[in-house]
Amino acid sequence: MLYDIDRDGRTQNVEATYCTDEVYRQESIRTLSSWVYDKKRQDGTPVAAYNITASIAYRIEDMMGVPISGPHEFMTPLSNGEYYMERICSPLIG
């Protein structure tokens, strides 16, 4: 995700620059567009921030809570015997 933060702490110009699956693009943009940050200040005056990056990971489960596998998941075993699965929607760096 790539975005700016205006002087009021609201996200602007939100882009999903890379997603492992297109199904996550619009939801990632919608979600990040709702984020609000504390105002960044420089010498006491609110200022904007530009070209901020973030990653959003989705955990996809069936109705029983079992992770659903797919071509781009990253399964991480948890101490309780369950698995955590990430699907990445983040900036493509390089």
Protein backbone atom coordinates (compact mmCIF):
# COMPACT_ATOMS: atom_id res chain seq x y z
CA MET A 1 0.00 0.00 0.00
CA LEU A 2 1.21 3.50 -0.82
CA TYR A 3 -0.46 6.65 0.50
CA ASP A 4 -0.10 10.16 1.87
CA ILE A 5 -1.28 11.58 5.18
CA ASP A 6 -2.74 15.09 5.16
CA ARG A 7 -2.25 17.73 7.90
CA ASP A 8 -5.39 16.46 9.67
CA GLY A 9 -4.02 12.89 9.87
CA ARG A 10 -6.31 11.46 7.19
CA THR A 11 -5.02 9.16 4.48
CA GLN A 12 -5.05 10.44 0.90
CA ASN A 13 -4.08 9.09 -2.53
CA VAL A 14 -4.31 5.48 -1.34
CA GLU A 15 -3.02 2.89 -3.84
CA ALA A 16 -2.65 -0.86 -3.64
CA THR A 17 0.53 -1.08 -5.67
CA TYR A 18 0.81 -4.87 -5.43
CA CYS A 19 -1.62 -7.59 -4.33
CA THR A 20 -1.16 -11.34 -4.40
CA ASP A 21 -4.76 -11.55 -5.61
CA GLU A 22 -6.95 -8.83 -7.15
CA VAL A 23 -9.84 -9.74 -4.83
CA TYR A 24 -8.01 -7.89 -2.02
CA ARG A 25 -7.27 -4.64 -3.87
CA GLN A 26 -10.53 -2.67 -3.36
CA GLU A 27 -11.02 -3.82 0.25
CA SER A 28 -7.43 -2.88 1.09
CA ILE A 29 -7.90 0.60 -0.41
CA ARG A 30 -11.23 1.05 1.38
CA THR A 31 -9.78 -0.05 4.71
CA LEU A 32 -6.64 2.06 4.55
CA SER A 33 -8.68 5.07 3.39
CA SER A 34 -10.51 4.98 6.73
CA TRP A 35 -7.33 5.13 8.83
CA VAL A 36 -6.68 8.34 10.78
CA TYR A 37 -3.32 9.19 12.30
CA ASP A 38 -2.33 11.61 15.03
CA LYS A 39 -1.31 14.88 13.41
CA LYS A 40 2.37 15.05 12.53
CA ARG A 41 3.82 18.35 13.68
CA GLN A 42 6.89 20.27 12.71
CA ASP A 43 7.72 23.22 14.96
CA GLY A 44 4.17 22.92 16.36
CA THR A 45 2.47 23.18 12.97
CA PRO A 46 0.60 20.19 11.46
CA VAL A 47 2.31 18.90 8.32
CA ALA A 48 1.50 16.30 5.69
CA ALA A 49 3.51 13.13 5.09
CA TYR A 50 4.00 11.62 1.65
CA ASN A 51 4.76 8.22 0.12
CA ILE A 52 3.98 6.19 3.23
CA THR A 53 3.99 2.41 2.79
CA ALA A 54 2.11 -0.28 4.68
CA SER A 55 1.25 -3.95 4.27
CA ILE A 56 -2.12 -5.51 4.95
CA ALA A 57 -2.40 -9.24 5.64
CA TYR A 58 -5.66 -11.20 5.51
CA ARG A 59 -6.44 -14.38 7.43
CA ILE A 60 -8.94 -16.41 5.43
CA GLU A 61 -10.88 -19.16 7.24
CA ASP A 62 -13.79 -21.42 6.47
CA MET A 63 -16.92 -21.45 8.66
CA MET A 64 -15.22 -23.82 11.11
CA GLY A 65 -12.21 -21.51 11.55
CA VAL A 66 -9.85 -23.64 9.46
CA PRO A 67 -7.45 -21.63 7.27
CA ILE A 68 -8.27 -21.84 3.58
CA SER A 69 -5.22 -22.52 1.46
CA GLY A 70 -4.42 -20.83 -1.81
CA PRO A 71 -1.50 -20.16 -4.14
CA HIS A 72 -0.07 -17.17 -2.25
CA GLU A 73 -0.47 -17.93 1.42
CA PHE A 74 2.21 -18.00 4.06
CA MET A 75 1.28 -20.53 6.76
CA THR A 76 2.79 -19.99 10.20
CA PRO A 77 2.25 -22.61 12.89
CA LEU A 78 1.04 -21.17 16.20
CA SER A 79 1.88 -22.52 19.67
CA ASN A 80 -1.71 -23.76 20.12
CA GLY A 81 -1.45 -26.08 17.10
CA GLU A 82 -3.39 -23.78 14.76
CA TYR A 83 -1.97 -22.04 11.72
CA TYR A 84 -1.87 -18.37 10.86
CA MET A 85 -2.17 -17.60 7.14
CA GLU A 86 -1.24 -14.30 5.51
CA ARG A 87 -2.17 -13.02 2.09
CA ILE A 88 -0.12 -10.01 1.22
CA CYS A 89 -1.25 -6.77 -0.38
CA SER A 90 1.72 -4.43 -0.18
CA PRO A 91 4.02 -2.25 -2.26
CA LEU A 92 6.22 -4.03 -4.76
CA ILE A 93 9.71 -2.90 -3.86
CA GLY A 94 12.61 -3.21 -6.20
